[in-house]
Amino acid sequence: MAKLDARRLPGFLLDPGPSWRVVLLFGDDAGLVRERAETLLRAVVSPDDPFGLVEIPRDAAAKDVGLLAAEAATPSLTGGRRAVRVRDATDGLAAAAKEALAGKGPGLVVLEAGELPARSRLRALLEPAEAAAVIACYRERGAELAASIGRVLRELGVGTVEPAALDWLAGRLGEDRMLMRRELEKLALLAGEGGKVTEELVLAAMAEGGAASLDLDEALMAATAGDLATADRALDAAFAEGATGVGVVRAALRHVQRLHLAALAVAAGAAPAAAAASLRPPVFFRHKPAFERALRLWRADQLAAAGEALLDAERRTKTTGMPDAAIARGAVLALARQAAAAARH
């Protein structure tokens, strides 16, 4: 069986069918790996069987290559299907996975891994196997992430979601799947069963939880609008709420890239308000004045150069040994100083 494509995946997770023996979930989004594995396990294991799910430590499974196959072949107490779960899977489990593929019994082995290159032994073994499914779990973006957010909110009982609110959430909650789910659970609670999620409700939910993303948004908007003091204070708040240096630099890069797109439209003759309105996801209503002010201060070529400087800052957070928060603060405040200089002229 080849890797499952996006169209088949939702149905497979809810009903994998009895012919599958091993499922490998891997990728750079650990939260998404876990979320999909748990959806799959709920579909396989009867809620009435307290022994229907067995977790095997990775090292134990690697040491005893027949252990996964033996556990998968053990009958369920209630007559249903049994699942065997291994977290943090690596290529050291290739021999055990091969035994599980050839084993007997109806049980399903679920392997959860981090990033695996195409040449990894686990992928090379399982991707062509008829009784195996391989599911890539990379960070979702754009329309794919927005669709996932909408699906989770519906699962949590929300009635409707304004498109603008959904786009805003997709632009802010894609880095950490578990954090995203916690924020959506809070949002669903505020909306109520069958309620409506609006931009205003999203802002209230994020602010109530002291989310670092809101403080970071304020810092970036203030920086590119030339408000150095506000940017510095908001950065302090964002770091206090748990923002990381790398996360700040990446968020700044996304913000500058969006400004660059809008600045190109301005250079082609669009008004700043119209250029901002054309972006997807749209600029959050609270940030429109600062975003439009930034478009009056920055040219497209200056924003392109700022993007290059931020890419260099991200590299330095990983290679120089300097505190990443200090590098991030310097990069954001450099934007603020450049915008403030433009405002004075």
Protein backbone atom coordinates (compact mmCIF):
# COMPACT_ATOMS: atom_id res chain seq x y z
CA MET A 1 0.00 0.00 0.00
CA ALA A 2 1.39 3.38 -0.95
CA LYS A 3 1.14 6.43 1.27
CA LEU A 4 -2.44 7.51 1.94
CA ASP A 5 -3.42 10.69 0.14
CA ALA A 6 -5.35 13.53 1.78
CA ARG A 7 -8.68 12.52 0.23
CA ARG A 8 -8.65 9.00 1.65
CA LEU A 9 -7.17 9.86 5.03
CA PRO A 10 -10.24 11.05 7.01
CA GLY A 11 -12.25 7.96 6.11
CA PHE A 12 -9.34 5.65 6.85
CA LEU A 13 -8.78 7.11 10.32
CA LEU A 14 -12.44 6.61 11.21
CA ASP A 15 -12.68 3.10 9.75
CA PRO A 16 -9.38 1.43 8.84
CA GLY A 17 -10.98 -1.93 8.06
CA PRO A 18 -9.71 -5.38 9.07
CA SER A 19 -7.13 -5.91 6.33
CA TRP A 20 -4.57 -3.46 7.68
CA ARG A 21 -1.89 -4.81 10.01
CA VAL A 22 0.55 -1.91 10.47
CA VAL A 23 0.09 1.86 10.28
CA LEU A 24 3.03 4.25 10.37
CA LEU A 25 2.39 7.91 11.15
CA PHE A 26 5.41 10.20 10.79
CA GLY A 27 6.35 13.82 10.21
CA ASP A 28 7.51 17.09 11.70
CA ASP A 29 4.19 17.85 13.43
CA ALA A 30 4.27 15.68 16.56
CA GLY A 31 0.88 16.97 17.65
CA LEU A 32 -0.70 15.95 14.35
CA VAL A 33 0.93 12.51 14.56
CA ARG A 34 -0.56 12.04 18.02
CA GLU A 35 -3.99 13.41 17.07
CA ARG A 36 -4.32 11.12 14.05
CA ALA A 37 -3.02 8.11 15.97
CA GLU A 38 -5.60 8.65 18.72
CA THR A 39 -8.40 9.05 16.18
CA LEU A 40 -7.33 5.76 14.59
CA LEU A 41 -7.07 3.95 17.92
CA ARG A 42 -10.53 5.08 18.99
CA ALA A 43 -11.88 3.64 15.74
CA VAL A 44 -10.14 0.29 16.27
CA VAL A 45 -10.50 -0.40 19.99
CA SER A 46 -13.89 -0.95 21.57
CA PRO A 47 -14.56 1.49 24.43
CA ASP A 48 -15.90 -1.49 26.39
CA ASP A 49 -12.54 -3.29 26.30
CA PRO A 50 -10.11 -1.88 28.90
CA PHE A 51 -7.40 -4.19 27.56
CA GLY A 52 -7.99 -3.50 23.88
CA LEU A 53 -5.03 -1.13 23.64
CA VAL A 54 -1.51 -2.10 24.64
CA GLU A 55 1.44 0.31 24.54
CA ILE A 56 4.87 -1.17 23.96
CA PRO A 57 8.04 0.83 24.74
CA ARG A 58 10.11 1.35 21.64
CA ASP A 59 13.24 -0.25 23.09
CA ALA A 60 11.33 -3.35 24.18
CA ALA A 61 9.82 -3.75 20.70
CA ALA A 62 13.23 -3.35 19.06
CA LYS A 63 14.87 -5.86 21.40
CA ASP A 64 12.19 -8.55 20.96
CA VAL A 65 11.33 -8.44 17.25
CA GLY A 66 8.38 -10.79 17.67
CA LEU A 67 6.71 -8.82 20.46
CA LEU A 68 4.54 -6.58 18.27
CA ALA A 69 3.31 -9.51 16.20
CA ALA A 70 2.55 -11.51 19.33
CA GLU A 71 0.60 -8.70 20.96
CA ALA A 72 -1.34 -8.03 17.74
CA ALA A 73 -2.25 -11.73 17.55
CA THR A 74 -3.56 -11.83 21.13
CA PRO A 75 -7.39 -12.07 21.08
CA SER A 76 -9.39 -9.22 22.54
CA LEU A 77 -11.34 -10.01 25.70
CA THR A 78 -14.56 -8.68 24.20
CA GLY A 79 -14.11 -10.23 20.78
CA GLY A 80 -13.29 -6.92 19.11
CA ARG A 81 -10.07 -5.75 17.59
CA ARG A 82 -6.87 -5.10 19.53
CA ALA A 83 -4.39 -2.28 18.90
CA VAL A 84 -0.68 -2.16 19.69
CA ARG A 85 0.86 1.30 19.98
CA VAL A 86 4.53 2.31 19.85
CA ARG A 87 5.54 5.94 20.24
CA ASP A 88 8.79 7.55 19.05
CA ALA A 89 9.32 4.82 16.47
CA THR A 90 12.62 4.73 14.58
CA ASP A 91 14.27 2.55 11.96
CA GLY A 92 15.33 0.27 14.81
CA LEU A 93 11.79 -1.14 14.66
CA ALA A 94 12.02 -2.24 11.03
CA ALA A 95 12.54 -5.92 11.92
CA ALA A 96 9.66 -5.86 14.43
CA ALA A 97 7.38 -4.17 11.87
CA LYS A 98 8.27 -6.84 9.31
CA GLU A 99 7.26 -9.56 11.80
CA ALA A 100 4.00 -7.73 12.54
CA LEU A 101 3.17 -7.57 8.82
CA ALA A 102 3.59 -11.33 8.54
CA GLY A 103 1.85 -12.14 11.84
CA LYS A 104 -1.52 -13.68 12.52
CA GLY A 105 -4.59 -12.28 14.19
CA PRO A 106 -6.75 -9.19 13.68
CA GLY A 107 -4.75 -6.70 15.76
CA LEU A 108 -3.42 -3.42 14.36
CA VAL A 109 0.07 -2.10 15.10
CA VAL A 110 0.29 1.71 15.18
CA LEU A 111 3.76 3.26 14.98
CA GLU A 112 4.22 6.96 15.73
CA ALA A 113 7.45 8.53 14.50
CA GLY A 114 9.06 11.89 13.94
CA GLU A 115 10.55 12.93 10.63
CA LEU A 116 11.72 9.98 8.51
CA PRO A 117 13.59 10.44 5.24
CA ALA A 118 12.33 8.62 2.16
CA ARG A 119 15.27 6.24 2.43
CA SER A 120 14.43 5.18 6.01
CA ARG A 121 14.09 1.45 6.58
CA LEU A 122 10.62 1.76 8.10
CA ARG A 123 9.23 3.67 5.14
CA ALA A 124 11.02 1.44 2.63
CA LEU A 125 9.48 -1.61 4.28
CA LEU A 126 5.94 -0.33 4.80
CA GLU A 127 5.16 1.90 1.82
CA PRO A 128 5.01 -0.98 -0.70
CA ALA A 129 3.39 -3.46 1.71
CA GLU A 130 -0.24 -4.32 0.96
CA ALA A 131 -1.20 -4.61 4.65
CA ALA A 132 0.48 -1.36 5.73
CA ALA A 133 -0.58 2.27 5.58
CA VAL A 134 1.90 5.14 5.78
CA ILE A 135 0.59 8.57 6.80
CA ALA A 136 2.72 11.69 6.53
CA CYS A 137 1.95 14.31 9.20
CA TYR A 138 3.55 17.58 8.17
CA ARG A 139 2.50 20.99 9.43
CA GLU A 140 -0.63 22.06 7.62
CA ARG A 141 -0.88 25.48 6.05
CA GLY A 142 -3.34 27.63 4.18
CA ALA A 143 -6.57 26.03 3.02
CA GLU A 144 -5.61 22.62 4.41
CA LEU A 145 -5.07 24.03 7.91
CA ALA A 146 -8.25 26.11 7.73
CA ALA A 147 -10.21 22.98 6.79
CA SER A 148 -8.74 21.10 9.76
CA ILE A 149 -9.59 23.93 12.15
CA GLY A 150 -13.16 24.02 10.86
CA ARG A 151 -13.44 20.25 11.27
CA VAL A 152 -12.15 20.34 14.86
CA LEU A 153 -14.55 23.16 15.77
CA ARG A 154 -17.48 21.20 14.33
CA GLU A 155 -16.38 18.14 16.32
CA LEU A 156 -16.40 20.35 19.42
CA GLY A 157 -20.01 21.36 18.79
CA VAL A 158 -19.63 24.78 17.15
CA GLY A 159 -22.41 25.61 14.70
CA THR A 160 -20.81 28.06 12.26
CA VAL A 161 -17.48 29.83 11.81
CA GLU A 162 -17.10 33.15 10.03
CA PRO A 163 -14.65 32.76 7.11
CA ALA A 164 -12.60 35.71 8.35
CA ALA A 165 -12.32 34.15 11.81
CA LEU A 166 -11.30 30.82 10.29
CA ASP A 167 -8.64 32.48 8.15
CA TRP A 168 -7.28 34.37 11.16
CA LEU A 169 -7.06 31.17 13.20
CA ALA A 170 -5.30 29.38 10.34
CA GLY A 171 -2.74 32.16 10.24
CA ARG A 172 -1.98 31.88 13.95
CA LEU A 173 -2.45 28.33 15.19
CA GLY A 174 -0.53 26.13 12.79
CA GLU A 175 2.83 25.68 14.50
CA ASP A 176 1.79 23.40 17.38
CA ARG A 177 -1.08 20.99 16.88
CA MET A 178 -1.69 20.37 20.58
CA LEU A 179 -1.67 24.09 21.36
CA MET A 180 -4.05 24.63 18.46
CA ARG A 181 -6.47 22.08 19.83
CA ARG A 182 -6.41 23.60 23.32
CA GLU A 183 -7.15 27.04 21.90
CA LEU A 184 -10.00 25.66 19.77
CA GLU A 185 -11.48 23.86 22.79
CA LYS A 186 -11.49 27.15 24.68
CA LEU A 187 -13.03 28.92 21.69
CA ALA A 188 -15.76 26.28 21.36
CA LEU A 189 -16.59 26.65 25.04
CA LEU A 190 -17.02 30.40 24.61
CA ALA A 191 -19.14 29.95 21.49
CA GLY A 192 -21.37 27.33 23.13
CA GLU A 193 -23.09 24.33 21.61
CA GLY A 194 -24.26 25.26 18.12
CA GLY A 195 -22.82 28.77 18.52
CA LYS A 196 -21.06 31.00 16.02
CA VAL A 197 -17.35 31.81 15.97
CA THR A 198 -16.72 35.42 14.91
CA GLU A 199 -13.57 37.54 14.67
CA GLU A 200 -14.57 39.31 17.87
CA LEU A 201 -15.01 36.00 19.71
CA VAL A 202 -11.65 34.77 18.47
CA LEU A 203 -9.94 37.89 19.81
CA ALA A 204 -11.71 37.52 23.16
CA ALA A 205 -10.72 33.86 23.42
CA MET A 206 -7.09 34.48 22.61
CA ALA A 207 -6.86 37.47 24.97
CA GLU A 208 -8.57 35.61 27.83
CA GLY A 209 -5.95 32.91 27.73
CA GLY A 210 -3.07 35.38 27.57
CA ALA A 211 -1.96 33.79 24.33
CA ALA A 212 1.56 34.79 23.34
CA SER A 213 0.42 35.00 19.72
CA LEU A 214 -1.67 38.09 20.46
CA ASP A 215 1.22 39.90 22.13
CA LEU A 216 3.49 38.89 19.27
CA ASP A 217 1.00 40.20 16.71
CA GLU A 218 0.92 43.52 18.56
CA ALA A 219 4.72 43.63 18.61
CA LEU A 220 5.06 42.97 14.89
CA MET A 221 2.34 45.39 13.87
CA ALA A 222 3.88 48.09 16.07
CA ALA A 223 7.38 47.38 14.74
CA THR A 224 6.54 47.72 11.05
CA ALA A 225 4.46 50.82 11.82
CA GLY A 226 7.48 52.43 13.50
CA ASP A 227 6.29 52.29 17.13
CA LEU A 228 9.48 51.13 18.85
CA ALA A 229 8.26 51.44 22.46
CA THR A 230 5.06 49.47 21.89
CA ALA A 231 6.92 46.78 19.96
CA ASP A 232 9.42 46.35 22.80
CA ARG A 233 6.70 46.13 25.49
CA ALA A 234 4.65 43.65 23.45
CA LEU A 235 7.73 41.50 22.87
CA ASP A 236 8.31 41.39 26.63
CA ALA A 237 4.75 40.17 27.08
CA ALA A 238 5.04 37.60 24.29
CA PHE A 239 8.22 36.11 25.77
CA ALA A 240 6.63 36.09 29.23
CA GLU A 241 3.72 34.10 27.80
CA GLY A 242 6.07 31.49 26.35
CA ALA A 243 7.02 32.71 22.88
CA THR A 244 10.38 31.42 21.66
CA GLY A 245 13.05 33.31 19.80
CA VAL A 246 12.77 31.10 16.73
CA GLY A 247 8.98 31.42 16.82
CA VAL A 248 9.21 35.21 16.98
CA VAL A 249 11.59 35.38 14.02
CA ARG A 250 9.41 33.06 11.94
CA ALA A 251 6.29 35.06 12.80
CA ALA A 252 8.11 38.27 11.84
CA LEU A 253 9.12 36.72 8.53
CA ARG A 254 5.52 35.73 7.76
CA HIS A 255 4.35 39.23 8.64
CA VAL A 256 6.99 40.88 6.42
CA GLN A 257 6.16 38.51 3.56
CA ARG A 258 2.49 39.51 3.77
CA LEU A 259 3.45 43.17 3.84
CA HIS A 260 5.64 42.56 0.79
CA LEU A 261 2.73 41.07 -1.16
CA ALA A 262 0.56 44.04 -0.28
CA ALA A 263 3.37 46.50 -1.07
CA LEU A 264 3.67 45.02 -4.56
CA ALA A 265 -0.04 45.74 -5.04
CA VAL A 266 0.48 49.30 -3.81
CA ALA A 267 3.36 49.73 -6.25
CA ALA A 268 1.00 48.60 -9.01
CA GLY A 269 -1.45 51.35 -8.09
CA ALA A 270 -3.67 49.92 -5.36
CA ALA A 271 -4.56 51.95 -2.28
CA PRO A 272 -3.07 50.58 0.99
CA ALA A 273 -6.52 49.64 2.30
CA ALA A 274 -7.38 47.73 -0.88
CA ALA A 275 -3.98 46.02 -0.94
CA ALA A 276 -4.40 44.87 2.66
CA ALA A 277 -7.95 43.67 1.98
CA SER A 278 -6.71 41.48 -0.88
CA LEU A 279 -4.53 39.31 1.36
CA ARG A 280 -5.50 35.77 2.36
CA PRO A 281 -5.87 35.16 5.21
CA PRO A 282 -7.18 38.70 5.65
CA VAL A 283 -5.63 41.19 8.05
CA PHE A 284 -7.38 40.94 11.41
CA PHE A 285 -9.76 43.88 11.85
CA ARG A 286 -7.96 45.20 14.93
CA HIS A 287 -4.65 45.36 13.06
CA LYS A 288 -5.79 47.04 9.85
CA PRO A 289 -4.77 50.61 10.83
CA ALA A 290 -1.21 49.56 11.76
CA PHE A 291 -0.90 47.35 8.68
CA GLU A 292 -2.01 50.14 6.36
CA ARG A 293 0.34 52.58 8.08
CA ALA A 294 3.20 50.14 7.47
CA LEU A 295 2.32 50.02 3.78
CA ARG A 296 2.81 53.78 3.64
CA LEU A 297 6.26 53.47 5.23
CA TRP A 298 7.79 50.51 3.40
CA ARG A 299 8.60 49.94 -0.25
CA ALA A 300 8.50 46.44 -1.70
CA ASP A 301 12.29 46.30 -2.14
CA GLN A 302 12.83 47.31 1.49
CA LEU A 303 10.50 44.55 2.67
CA ALA A 304 12.31 42.00 0.51
CA ALA A 305 15.59 43.05 2.17
CA ALA A 306 13.94 42.84 5.60
CA GLY A 307 12.86 39.30 4.80
CA GLU A 308 16.44 38.35 3.96
CA ALA A 309 17.61 39.86 7.25
CA LEU A 310 15.03 37.79 9.15
CA LEU A 311 16.13 34.60 7.38
CA ASP A 312 19.66 35.40 8.51
CA ALA A 313 18.38 35.98 12.07
CA GLU A 314 16.72 32.56 12.06
CA ARG A 315 19.99 30.96 10.96
CA ARG A 316 21.81 32.75 13.77
CA THR A 317 19.37 31.42 16.38
CA LYS A 318 20.50 27.92 15.41
CA THR A 319 24.22 28.40 14.80
CA THR A 320 25.79 31.15 16.92
CA GLY A 321 25.06 30.01 20.47
CA MET A 322 23.62 33.43 21.32
CA PRO A 323 20.30 33.49 23.23
CA ASP A 324 17.63 33.14 20.56
CA ALA A 325 15.36 35.62 22.36
CA ALA A 326 18.03 38.31 22.10
CA ILE A 327 18.51 37.66 18.39
CA ALA A 328 14.74 37.78 17.81
CA ARG A 329 14.32 41.00 19.79
CA GLY A 330 17.14 42.63 17.84
CA ALA A 331 15.61 41.59 14.52
CA VAL A 332 12.13 42.91 15.38
CA LEU A 333 13.40 46.17 16.84
CA ALA A 334 15.53 46.69 13.74
CA LEU A 335 12.27 46.68 11.76
CA ALA A 336 10.82 49.24 14.17
CA ARG A 337 13.84 51.54 13.87
CA GLN A 338 13.75 51.40 10.06
CA ALA A 339 10.02 52.16 9.99
CA ALA A 340 10.43 55.00 12.48
CA ALA A 341 13.21 56.52 10.36
CA ALA A 342 10.93 56.35 7.29
CA ALA A 343 8.14 58.05 9.22
CA ARG A 344 10.43 60.99 10.08
CA HIS A 345 11.21 61.70 6.43
